[in-house]
Amino acid sequence: MIEYPSLSWKDYELLDSGNGEKLERFGNYVLSRPEPKALWDKSMSQQEWNKLTHTHFRPGAGFGKAGKEDSGTWERLKRMDDQWFIDYRNSDGLKMKLRLGLTSFKHVGVFPEQAANWDYIYRKVSEARQRGQTPKVLNLFAYTGAASLAAKAAGADVVHLDSVRQVVTWARGNMENSGLDGIHWIVEDAMKFAKREARRGNVYQGIILDPPAYGHGPDGEKWKLDECLFEMLRTVNGILAPKDAFLVLNLYSNGYSALLGETVAKQAFGGIKKIESGELALRDRFGKALPLSIVVRLER
């Protein structure tokens, strides 16, 4: 399974990729960023890239080092806003407004390849609503909240958790700008929260996990994907409802495969009715496919 964002998404486009970089249009602005997976040559000339680019990310000394964020600086080539908005709409009726910004960690507030997961989440919650249910959805490692908005827009009761207060504030702004309300915001370590929910006997009809390779909780808790992933999934198994439930697991670690993700999920979860795994990717104007993450989706 390989999934790409819909071509109907007008506010995002991968223009070109290659030589360790990607050239992307977010709304009215074009950004050039490092992309280690772009092992091929660029299709455009460097002169063409520079002509289109509003800002280019230049990595700092820590770029690419294990356990460290990809820190660096943005170099402006053209005038542009520090923050701006893009819209996301799909054919099923999902509408979101997402604020973007230039961060010192190369990120801009959205991962476009995740659009396929947003669509899936919106669809699964909509199906539950059609059955007369109001599903509870937990989004762990939730970042700026596009997946949370997709669940809320479809009618779910949503709990959004991240360990960084600033990105939870960013996500709240996205909710408000999207004309939504009522998401429950939590700033906490994901493992601690999941274990506490299990002890309380709380269950969710949908759980979304997008864990980083490395991370820290608000009180200094350490997260290392290789060491913590299976324990996290076993814990989440206890808070995922035994029927009419779904889980989305996204993995960015370069050393992981779809098969590995599916196997670890099968070992961690019981009562699986359906499971699928594959890659989320982007395709540039020249037809080059850029795989960016592993996804596993299971249903009970």
C-alpha atoms as a PDB file:
ATOM      1  CA  MET A   1       0.000   0.000   0.000  1.00  0.00           C
ATOM      2  CA  ILE A   2       1.403   3.370  -1.055  1.00  0.00           C
ATOM      3  CA  GLU A   3      -0.765   6.453  -0.504  1.00  0.00           C
ATOM      4  CA  TYR A   4      -0.353  10.036  -1.702  1.00  0.00           C
ATOM      5  CA  PRO A   5      -2.263  13.241  -0.884  1.00  0.00           C
ATOM      6  CA  SER A   6      -5.143  13.880  -3.248  1.00  0.00           C
ATOM      7  CA  LEU A   7      -4.357  16.008  -6.294  1.00  0.00           C
ATOM      8  CA  SER A   8      -7.437  18.040  -5.342  1.00  0.00           C
ATOM      9  CA  TRP A   9      -5.499  19.603  -2.431  1.00  0.00           C
ATOM     10  CA  LYS A  10      -4.730  22.981  -3.998  1.00  0.00           C
ATOM     11  CA  ASP A  11      -2.744  24.530  -1.141  1.00  0.00           C
ATOM     12  CA  TYR A  12       0.114  22.023  -1.232  1.00  0.00           C
ATOM     13  CA  GLU A  13       2.395  20.706  -3.963  1.00  0.00           C
ATOM     14  CA  LEU A  14       5.770  18.982  -4.099  1.00  0.00           C
ATOM     15  CA  LEU A  15       7.368  20.810  -7.006  1.00  0.00           C
ATOM     16  CA  ASP A  16      10.666  18.914  -7.258  1.00  0.00           C
ATOM     17  CA  SER A  17      12.991  16.700  -5.229  1.00  0.00           C
ATOM     18  CA  GLY A  18      16.562  15.487  -5.442  1.00  0.00           C
ATOM     19  CA  ASN A  19      20.145  15.925  -4.285  1.00  0.00           C
ATOM     20  CA  GLY A  20      18.995  15.642  -0.666  1.00  0.00           C
ATOM     21  CA  GLU A  21      16.392  18.400  -0.903  1.00  0.00           C
ATOM     22  CA  LYS A  22      12.696  18.975  -1.626  1.00  0.00           C
ATOM     23  CA  LEU A  23      10.951  22.012  -3.088  1.00  0.00           C
ATOM     24  CA  GLU A  24       7.407  22.494  -1.775  1.00  0.00           C
ATOM     25  CA  ARG A  25       4.628  25.017  -2.232  1.00  0.00           C
ATOM     26  CA  PHE A  26       2.508  25.705   0.834  1.00  0.00           C
ATOM     27  CA  GLY A  27      -0.222  28.102  -0.231  1.00  0.00           C
ATOM     28  CA  ASN A  28       1.464  31.130  -1.802  1.00  0.00           C
ATOM     29  CA  TYR A  29       4.982  30.352  -0.593  1.00  0.00           C
ATOM     30  CA  VAL A  30       7.647  27.964  -1.900  1.00  0.00           C
ATOM     31  CA  LEU A  31      10.095  26.406   0.568  1.00  0.00           C
ATOM     32  CA  SER A  32      13.311  24.499  -0.039  1.00  0.00           C
ATOM     33  CA  ARG A  33      14.249  22.034   2.719  1.00  0.00           C
ATOM     34  CA  PRO A  34      16.707  19.181   3.262  1.00  0.00           C
ATOM     35  CA  GLU A  35      15.293  15.713   2.527  1.00  0.00           C
ATOM     36  CA  PRO A  36      17.756  12.833   3.107  1.00  0.00           C
ATOM     37  CA  LYS A  37      15.521  10.382   1.226  1.00  0.00           C
ATOM     38  CA  ALA A  38      15.742  12.351  -2.035  1.00  0.00           C
ATOM     39  CA  LEU A  39      18.720  10.349  -3.315  1.00  0.00           C
ATOM     40  CA  TRP A  40      18.228  11.166  -7.016  1.00  0.00           C
ATOM     41  CA  ASP A  41      19.040  14.275  -9.065  1.00  0.00           C
ATOM     42  CA  LYS A  42      16.802  17.323  -9.171  1.00  0.00           C
ATOM     43  CA  SER A  43      14.718  17.631 -12.329  1.00  0.00           C
ATOM     44  CA  MET A  44      14.961  21.428 -12.333  1.00  0.00           C
ATOM     45  CA  SER A  45      18.210  23.342 -12.476  1.00  0.00           C
ATOM     46  CA  GLN A  46      19.445  25.055  -9.321  1.00  0.00           C
ATOM     47  CA  GLN A  47      18.713  28.367 -11.005  1.00  0.00           C
ATOM     48  CA  GLU A  48      15.076  27.322 -11.491  1.00  0.00           C
ATOM     49  CA  TRP A  49      14.845  26.244  -7.823  1.00  0.00           C
ATOM     50  CA  ASN A  50      16.230  29.561  -6.620  1.00  0.00           C
ATOM     51  CA  LYS A  51      13.850  31.511  -8.854  1.00  0.00           C
ATOM     52  CA  LEU A  52      10.827  29.771  -7.290  1.00  0.00           C
ATOM     53  CA  THR A  53      12.032  29.644  -3.660  1.00  0.00           C
ATOM     54  CA  HIS A  54      10.846  32.129  -1.033  1.00  0.00           C
ATOM     55  CA  THR A  55      12.982  30.653   1.751  1.00  0.00           C
ATOM     56  CA  HIS A  56      15.635  27.954   2.083  1.00  0.00           C
ATOM     57  CA  PHE A  57      16.454  25.983   5.248  1.00  0.00           C
ATOM     58  CA  ARG A  58      20.155  25.780   6.036  1.00  0.00           C
ATOM     59  CA  PRO A  59      21.016  23.016   8.545  1.00  0.00           C
ATOM     60  CA  GLY A  60      23.041  23.804  11.649  1.00  0.00           C
ATOM     61  CA  ALA A  61      25.872  21.866  13.237  1.00  0.00           C
ATOM     62  CA  GLY A  62      23.535  19.291  14.787  1.00  0.00           C
ATOM     63  CA  PHE A  63      21.787  18.361  11.568  1.00  0.00           C
ATOM     64  CA  GLY A  64      21.347  14.618  11.086  1.00  0.00           C
ATOM     65  CA  LYS A  65      22.932  13.599  14.397  1.00  0.00           C
ATOM     66  CA  ALA A  66      21.108  10.815  16.240  1.00  0.00           C
ATOM     67  CA  GLY A  67      19.024  12.062  19.114  1.00  0.00           C
ATOM     68  CA  LYS A  68      19.188  15.707  18.056  1.00  0.00           C
ATOM     69  CA  GLU A  69      16.617  17.789  16.221  1.00  0.00           C
ATOM     70  CA  ASP A  70      17.367  18.969  12.714  1.00  0.00           C
ATOM     71  CA  SER A  71      18.134  22.504  13.825  1.00  0.00           C
ATOM     72  CA  GLY A  72      19.172  25.318  11.556  1.00  0.00           C
ATOM     73  CA  THR A  73      18.073  28.625  10.067  1.00  0.00           C
ATOM     74  CA  TRP A  74      15.828  29.845   7.253  1.00  0.00           C
ATOM     75  CA  GLU A  75      17.362  32.096   4.606  1.00  0.00           C
ATOM     76  CA  ARG A  76      14.848  34.362   2.883  1.00  0.00           C
ATOM     77  CA  LEU A  77      15.246  34.748  -0.861  1.00  0.00           C
ATOM     78  CA  LYS A  78      11.961  36.633  -1.298  1.00  0.00           C
ATOM     79  CA  ARG A  79       9.667  38.583   0.983  1.00  0.00           C
ATOM     80  CA  MET A  80       7.192  36.390   2.857  1.00  0.00           C
ATOM     81  CA  ASP A  81       5.229  36.265   6.108  1.00  0.00           C
ATOM     82  CA  ASP A  82       6.607  34.550   9.202  1.00  0.00           C
ATOM     83  CA  GLN A  83       3.234  32.818   9.628  1.00  0.00           C
ATOM     84  CA  TRP A  84       0.514  32.033   7.123  1.00  0.00           C
ATOM     85  CA  PHE A  85      -2.471  29.740   6.625  1.00  0.00           C
ATOM     86  CA  ILE A  86      -3.341  26.939   4.232  1.00  0.00           C
ATOM     87  CA  ASP A  87      -6.662  25.153   3.739  1.00  0.00           C
ATOM     88  CA  TYR A  88      -7.226  21.417   3.555  1.00  0.00           C
ATOM     89  CA  ARG A  89     -10.403  20.001   2.029  1.00  0.00           C
ATOM     90  CA  ASN A  90     -11.259  16.519   0.828  1.00  0.00           C
ATOM     91  CA  SER A  91     -14.090  15.071  -1.220  1.00  0.00           C
ATOM     92  CA  ASP A  92     -15.836  13.672   1.885  1.00  0.00           C
ATOM     93  CA  GLY A  93     -16.424  17.113   3.398  1.00  0.00           C
ATOM     94  CA  LEU A  94     -13.413  17.542   5.694  1.00  0.00           C
ATOM     95  CA  LYS A  95     -12.339  21.198   5.945  1.00  0.00           C
ATOM     96  CA  MET A  96      -9.427  22.495   8.024  1.00  0.00           C
ATOM     97  CA  LYS A  97      -7.397  25.684   8.226  1.00  0.00           C
ATOM     98  CA  LEU A  98      -3.800  25.141   9.346  1.00  0.00           C
ATOM     99  CA  ARG A  99      -1.373  27.827  10.466  1.00  0.00           C
ATOM    100  CA  LEU A 100       2.168  27.387   9.200  1.00  0.00           C
ATOM    101  CA  GLY A 101       5.373  28.972  10.448  1.00  0.00           C
ATOM    102  CA  LEU A 102       9.121  28.741   9.993  1.00  0.00           C
ATOM    103  CA  THR A 103      10.630  26.876  12.957  1.00  0.00           C
ATOM    104  CA  SER A 104      14.289  26.348  13.788  1.00  0.00           C
ATOM    105  CA  PHE A 105      13.746  22.583  13.448  1.00  0.00           C
ATOM    106  CA  LYS A 106      13.008  22.557   9.692  1.00  0.00           C
ATOM    107  CA  HIS A 107       9.312  21.851  10.321  1.00  0.00           C
ATOM    108  CA  VAL A 108       6.565  24.264   9.311  1.00  0.00           C
ATOM    109  CA  GLY A 109       3.603  22.902  11.290  1.00  0.00           C
ATOM    110  CA  VAL A 110       2.240  20.257   8.951  1.00  0.00           C
ATOM    111  CA  PHE A 111       3.413  16.998   7.380  1.00  0.00           C
ATOM    112  CA  PRO A 112       1.619  16.916   3.995  1.00  0.00           C
ATOM    113  CA  GLU A 113       2.020  13.173   3.414  1.00  0.00           C
ATOM    114  CA  GLN A 114      -0.224  12.646   6.462  1.00  0.00           C
ATOM    115  CA  ALA A 115      -3.245  13.779   4.434  1.00  0.00           C
ATOM    116  CA  ALA A 116      -4.065  10.132   3.689  1.00  0.00           C
ATOM    117  CA  ASN A 117      -4.311   9.476   7.440  1.00  0.00           C
ATOM    118  CA  TRP A 118      -6.514  12.552   7.969  1.00  0.00           C
ATOM    119  CA  ASP A 119      -8.892  11.214   5.330  1.00  0.00           C
ATOM    120  CA  TYR A 120      -8.925   7.752   6.938  1.00  0.00           C
ATOM    121  CA  ILE A 121      -9.608   9.161  10.424  1.00  0.00           C
ATOM    122  CA  TYR A 122     -12.400  11.390   9.132  1.00  0.00           C
ATOM    123  CA  ARG A 123     -13.954   8.444   7.311  1.00  0.00           C
ATOM    124  CA  LYS A 124     -13.802   6.045  10.288  1.00  0.00           C
ATOM    125  CA  VAL A 125     -15.310   8.589  12.684  1.00  0.00           C
ATOM    126  CA  SER A 126     -18.016   9.436  10.143  1.00  0.00           C
ATOM    127  CA  GLU A 127     -18.900   5.726   9.878  1.00  0.00           C
ATOM    128  CA  ALA A 128     -19.215   5.506  13.657  1.00  0.00           C
ATOM    129  CA  ARG A 129     -21.470   8.562  13.708  1.00  0.00           C
ATOM    130  CA  GLN A 130     -23.677   6.955  11.074  1.00  0.00           C
ATOM    131  CA  ARG A 131     -24.065   3.986  13.450  1.00  0.00           C
ATOM    132  CA  GLY A 132     -25.287   6.417  16.094  1.00  0.00           C
ATOM    133  CA  GLN A 133     -22.045   6.425  18.095  1.00  0.00           C
ATOM    134  CA  THR A 134     -19.902   9.324  19.284  1.00  0.00           C
ATOM    135  CA  PRO A 135     -16.426   7.783  19.276  1.00  0.00           C
ATOM    136  CA  LYS A 136     -13.720   8.885  21.689  1.00  0.00           C
ATOM    137  CA  VAL A 137     -10.455   9.466  19.846  1.00  0.00           C
ATOM    138  CA  LEU A 138      -7.037   9.838  21.508  1.00  0.00           C
ATOM    139  CA  ASN A 139      -4.222  11.486  19.552  1.00  0.00           C
ATOM    140  CA  LEU A 140      -0.818  10.818  21.149  1.00  0.00           C
ATOM    141  CA  PHE A 141       2.330  12.714  20.084  1.00  0.00           C
ATOM    142  CA  ALA A 142      -0.256  14.943  18.423  1.00  0.00           C
ATOM    143  CA  TYR A 143       1.930  17.883  17.270  1.00  0.00           C
ATOM    144  CA  THR A 144      -0.102  20.735  15.725  1.00  0.00           C
ATOM    145  CA  GLY A 145      -3.233  18.652  15.514  1.00  0.00           C
ATOM    146  CA  ALA A 146      -4.370  18.080  11.927  1.00  0.00           C
ATOM    147  CA  ALA A 147      -5.359  14.493  12.817  1.00  0.00           C
ATOM    148  CA  SER A 148      -7.201  15.784  15.901  1.00  0.00           C
ATOM    149  CA  LEU A 149      -9.087  18.282  13.726  1.00  0.00           C
ATOM    150  CA  ALA A 150     -10.037  15.556  11.240  1.00  0.00           C
ATOM    151  CA  ALA A 151     -11.523  13.463  14.057  1.00  0.00           C
ATOM    152  CA  LYS A 152     -13.305  16.437  15.629  1.00  0.00           C
ATOM    153  CA  ALA A 153     -14.695  17.645  12.291  1.00  0.00           C
ATOM    154  CA  ALA A 154     -16.290  14.221  11.799  1.00  0.00           C
ATOM    155  CA  GLY A 155     -17.957  14.392  15.225  1.00  0.00           C
ATOM    156  CA  ALA A 156     -15.600  12.592  17.624  1.00  0.00           C
ATOM    157  CA  ASP A 157     -14.881  13.435  21.252  1.00  0.00           C
ATOM    158  CA  VAL A 158     -11.149  14.159  20.900  1.00  0.00           C
ATOM    159  CA  VAL A 159      -8.278  14.096  23.404  1.00  0.00           C
ATOM    160  CA  HIS A 160      -5.110  15.722  22.010  1.00  0.00           C
ATOM    161  CA  LEU A 161      -1.845  15.051  23.847  1.00  0.00           C
ATOM    162  CA  ASP A 162       1.661  16.370  23.276  1.00  0.00           C
ATOM    163  CA  SER A 163       4.555  16.937  25.636  1.00  0.00           C
ATOM    164  CA  VAL A 164       5.360  20.422  24.265  1.00  0.00           C
ATOM    165  CA  ARG A 165       3.055  23.182  25.452  1.00  0.00           C
ATOM    166  CA  GLN A 166       3.874  25.488  22.527  1.00  0.00           C
ATOM    167  CA  VAL A 167       2.679  23.008  19.901  1.00  0.00           C
ATOM    168  CA  VAL A 168      -0.495  22.301  21.880  1.00  0.00           C
ATOM    169  CA  THR A 169      -1.162  26.053  21.799  1.00  0.00           C
ATOM    170  CA  TRP A 170      -0.483  25.963  18.046  1.00  0.00           C
ATOM    171  CA  ALA A 171      -2.979  23.103  17.672  1.00  0.00           C
ATOM    172  CA  ARG A 172      -5.616  24.995  19.669  1.00  0.00           C
ATOM    173  CA  GLY A 173      -5.221  27.907  17.261  1.00  0.00           C
ATOM    174  CA  ASN A 174      -5.724  25.541  14.328  1.00  0.00           C
ATOM    175  CA  MET A 175      -8.943  24.279  15.921  1.00  0.00           C
ATOM    176  CA  GLU A 176     -10.269  27.785  16.414  1.00  0.00           C
ATOM    177  CA  ASN A 177      -9.331  28.914  12.901  1.00  0.00           C
ATOM    178  CA  SER A 178     -11.047  25.822  11.507  1.00  0.00           C
ATOM    179  CA  GLY A 179     -14.301  26.786  13.202  1.00  0.00           C
ATOM    180  CA  LEU A 180     -14.193  23.836  15.608  1.00  0.00           C
ATOM    181  CA  ASP A 181     -14.232  23.588  19.397  1.00  0.00           C
ATOM    182  CA  GLY A 182     -14.326  21.155  22.286  1.00  0.00           C
ATOM    183  CA  ILE A 183     -11.032  19.283  21.846  1.00  0.00           C
ATOM    184  CA  HIS A 184      -9.509  18.231  25.191  1.00  0.00           C
ATOM    185  CA  TRP A 185      -5.890  19.465  25.436  1.00  0.00           C
ATOM    186  CA  ILE A 186      -3.279  17.648  27.525  1.00  0.00           C
ATOM    187  CA  VAL A 187       0.418  18.489  27.964  1.00  0.00           C
ATOM    188  CA  GLU A 188       1.983  15.313  29.341  1.00  0.00           C
ATOM    189  CA  ASP A 189       4.272  12.383  28.627  1.00  0.00           C
ATOM    190  CA  ALA A 190       2.405   9.989  26.316  1.00  0.00           C
ATOM    191  CA  MET A 191       3.500   6.791  28.056  1.00  0.00           C
ATOM    192  CA  LYS A 192       2.526   8.074  31.501  1.00  0.00           C
ATOM    193  CA  PHE A 193      -0.895   9.152  30.265  1.00  0.00           C
ATOM    194  CA  ALA A 194      -1.601   5.881  28.436  1.00  0.00           C
ATOM    195  CA  LYS A 195      -0.672   3.825  31.504  1.00  0.00           C
ATOM    196  CA  ARG A 196      -2.842   5.960  33.743  1.00  0.00           C
ATOM    197  CA  GLU A 197      -5.796   5.624  31.370  1.00  0.00           C
ATOM    198  CA  ALA A 198      -5.315   1.849  31.407  1.00  0.00           C
ATOM    199  CA  ARG A 199      -5.379   1.811  35.216  1.00  0.00           C
ATOM    200  CA  ARG A 200      -8.557   3.898  35.172  1.00  0.00           C
ATOM    201  CA  GLY A 201     -10.205   1.532  32.713  1.00  0.00           C
ATOM    202  CA  ASN A 202     -10.794   4.255  30.119  1.00  0.00           C
ATOM    203  CA  VAL A 203     -11.118   3.135  26.494  1.00  0.00           C
ATOM    204  CA  TYR A 204     -11.138   4.879  23.117  1.00  0.00           C
ATOM    205  CA  GLN A 205     -12.725   3.932  19.822  1.00  0.00           C
ATOM    206  CA  GLY A 206      -9.865   5.547  17.918  1.00  0.00           C
ATOM    207  CA  ILE A 207      -6.190   5.996  18.799  1.00  0.00           C
ATOM    208  CA  ILE A 208      -3.585   7.820  16.720  1.00  0.00           C
ATOM    209  CA  LEU A 209       0.150   7.505  17.392  1.00  0.00           C
ATOM    210  CA  ASP A 210       2.907   9.380  15.576  1.00  0.00           C
ATOM    211  CA  PRO A 211       5.893   8.860  17.892  1.00  0.00           C
ATOM    212  CA  PRO A 212       9.280  10.470  17.214  1.00  0.00           C
ATOM    213  CA  ALA A 213      12.539   8.542  17.054  1.00  0.00           C
ATOM    214  CA  TYR A 214      13.702  10.467  20.129  1.00  0.00           C
ATOM    215  CA  GLY A 215      11.873  12.760  22.500  1.00  0.00           C
ATOM    216  CA  HIS A 216      11.372  14.076  26.015  1.00  0.00           C
ATOM    217  CA  GLY A 217       8.304  14.478  28.188  1.00  0.00           C
ATOM    218  CA  PRO A 218       7.517  17.760  29.990  1.00  0.00           C
ATOM    219  CA  ASP A 219       9.270  16.479  33.136  1.00  0.00           C
ATOM    220  CA  GLY A 220      12.334  15.151  31.308  1.00  0.00           C
ATOM    221  CA  GLU A 221      10.962  11.666  30.591  1.00  0.00           C
ATOM    222  CA  LYS A 222      13.054  10.026  27.875  1.00  0.00           C
ATOM    223  CA  TRP A 223      11.566   8.461  24.768  1.00  0.00           C
ATOM    224  CA  LYS A 224      13.557   6.295  22.363  1.00  0.00           C
ATOM    225  CA  LEU A 225      11.443   4.632  19.694  1.00  0.00           C
ATOM    226  CA  ASP A 226      13.389   1.368  19.474  1.00  0.00           C
ATOM    227  CA  GLU A 227      13.201   0.851  23.230  1.00  0.00           C
ATOM    228  CA  CYS A 228       9.698   2.180  23.959  1.00  0.00           C
ATOM    229  CA  LEU A 229       7.504   1.405  20.937  1.00  0.00           C
ATOM    230  CA  PHE A 230       6.425  -2.133  21.849  1.00  0.00           C
ATOM    231  CA  GLU A 231       5.695  -1.194  25.471  1.00  0.00           C
ATOM    232  CA  MET A 232       3.650   1.769  24.259  1.00  0.00           C
ATOM    233  CA  LEU A 233       1.639  -0.398  21.861  1.00  0.00           C
ATOM    234  CA  ARG A 234       1.018  -3.045  24.525  1.00  0.00           C
ATOM    235  CA  THR A 235      -0.233  -0.285  26.832  1.00  0.00           C
ATOM    236  CA  VAL A 236      -2.453   1.208  24.114  1.00  0.00           C
ATOM    237  CA  ASN A 237      -3.876  -2.274  23.469  1.00  0.00           C
ATOM    238  CA  GLY A 238      -5.495  -1.986  26.892  1.00  0.00           C
ATOM    239  CA  ILE A 239      -7.224   1.328  26.154  1.00  0.00           C
ATOM    240  CA  LEU A 240      -8.392   0.617  22.591  1.00  0.00           C
ATOM    241  CA  ALA A 241     -12.023  -0.512  22.654  1.00  0.00           C
ATOM    242  CA  PRO A 242     -12.466  -4.243  21.909  1.00  0.00           C
ATOM    243  CA  LYS A 243     -14.866  -3.626  18.986  1.00  0.00           C
ATOM    244  CA  ASP A 244     -15.776  -0.886  16.507  1.00  0.00           C
ATOM    245  CA  ALA A 245     -12.342   0.666  17.061  1.00  0.00           C
ATOM    246  CA  PHE A 246      -9.402   1.740  14.913  1.00  0.00           C
ATOM    247  CA  LEU A 247      -5.755   2.593  15.399  1.00  0.00           C
ATOM    248  CA  VAL A 248      -3.360   4.587  13.210  1.00  0.00           C
ATOM    249  CA  LEU A 249       0.368   4.151  13.814  1.00  0.00           C
ATOM    250  CA  ASN A 250       2.794   6.368  11.911  1.00  0.00           C
ATOM    251  CA  LEU A 251       6.552   5.788  11.983  1.00  0.00           C
ATOM    252  CA  TYR A 252       9.216   8.075  10.541  1.00  0.00           C
ATOM    253  CA  SER A 253      12.292   6.138  11.652  1.00  0.00           C
ATOM    254  CA  ASN A 254      14.532   5.483   8.622  1.00  0.00           C
ATOM    255  CA  GLY A 255      15.365   1.964   9.754  1.00  0.00           C
ATOM    256  CA  TYR A 256      11.756   0.752   9.883  1.00  0.00           C
ATOM    257  CA  SER A 257       9.691  -0.983   7.210  1.00  0.00           C
ATOM    258  CA  ALA A 258       5.957  -1.477   6.740  1.00  0.00           C
ATOM    259  CA  LEU A 259       6.404  -5.172   7.502  1.00  0.00           C
ATOM    260  CA  LEU A 260       8.166  -4.384  10.776  1.00  0.00           C
ATOM    261  CA  GLY A 261       5.382  -1.975  11.739  1.00  0.00           C
ATOM    262  CA  GLU A 262       2.694  -4.511  10.944  1.00  0.00           C
ATOM    263  CA  THR A 263       4.473  -7.301  12.832  1.00  0.00           C
ATOM    264  CA  VAL A 264       4.989  -5.249  15.998  1.00  0.00           C
ATOM    265  CA  ALA A 265       1.327  -4.167  15.870  1.00  0.00           C
ATOM    266  CA  LYS A 266       0.123  -7.770  15.464  1.00  0.00           C
ATOM    267  CA  GLN A 267       2.190  -8.825  18.470  1.00  0.00           C
ATOM    268  CA  ALA A 268       0.955  -5.935  20.612  1.00  0.00           C
ATOM    269  CA  PHE A 269      -2.765  -6.027  19.797  1.00  0.00           C
ATOM    270  CA  GLY A 270      -5.416  -8.699  20.112  1.00  0.00           C
ATOM    271  CA  GLY A 271      -8.792  -8.973  18.436  1.00  0.00           C
ATOM    272  CA  ILE A 272      -7.658  -7.526  15.119  1.00  0.00           C
ATOM    273  CA  LYS A 273     -10.286  -7.782  12.383  1.00  0.00           C
ATOM    274  CA  LYS A 274      -8.341  -5.902   9.734  1.00  0.00           C
ATOM    275  CA  ILE A 275      -4.775  -4.629   9.433  1.00  0.00           C
ATOM    276  CA  GLU A 276      -2.985  -2.841   6.616  1.00  0.00           C
ATOM    277  CA  SER A 277       0.462  -1.332   6.302  1.00  0.00           C
ATOM    278  CA  GLY A 278       2.395   0.618   3.741  1.00  0.00           C
ATOM    279  CA  GLU A 279       4.052   3.928   2.996  1.00  0.00           C
ATOM    280  CA  LEU A 280       2.888   7.517   2.865  1.00  0.00           C
ATOM    281  CA  ALA A 281       4.594   9.393   0.071  1.00  0.00           C
ATOM    282  CA  LEU A 282       4.623  12.536  -2.033  1.00  0.00           C
ATOM    283  CA  ARG A 283       4.982  12.732  -5.809  1.00  0.00           C
ATOM    284  CA  ASP A 284       6.630  15.730  -7.447  1.00  0.00           C
ATOM    285  CA  ARG A 285       5.728  17.405 -10.727  1.00  0.00           C
ATOM    286  CA  PHE A 286       8.139  15.136 -12.575  1.00  0.00           C
ATOM    287  CA  GLY A 287       6.605  11.894 -11.308  1.00  0.00           C
ATOM    288  CA  LYS A 288       9.314  11.067  -8.767  1.00  0.00           C
ATOM    289  CA  ALA A 289       7.843   9.352  -5.685  1.00  0.00           C
ATOM    290  CA  LEU A 290       9.273  10.422  -2.327  1.00  0.00           C
ATOM    291  CA  PRO A 291       8.440   7.936   0.489  1.00  0.00           C
ATOM    292  CA  LEU A 292       8.370   9.654   3.869  1.00  0.00           C
ATOM    293  CA  SER A 293       6.726   7.486   6.513  1.00  0.00           C
ATOM    294  CA  ILE A 294       5.483   4.033   7.410  1.00  0.00           C
ATOM    295  CA  VAL A 295       1.830   3.645   8.358  1.00  0.00           C
ATOM    296  CA  VAL A 296      -0.035   0.789  10.033  1.00  0.00           C
ATOM    297  CA  ARG A 297      -3.813   0.878  10.434  1.00  0.00           C
ATOM    298  CA  LEU A 298      -5.789  -1.755  12.298  1.00  0.00           C
ATOM    299  CA  GLU A 299      -9.438  -2.221  13.137  1.00  0.00           C
ATOM    300  CA  ARG A 300     -11.229  -4.277  15.756  1.00  0.00           C
END
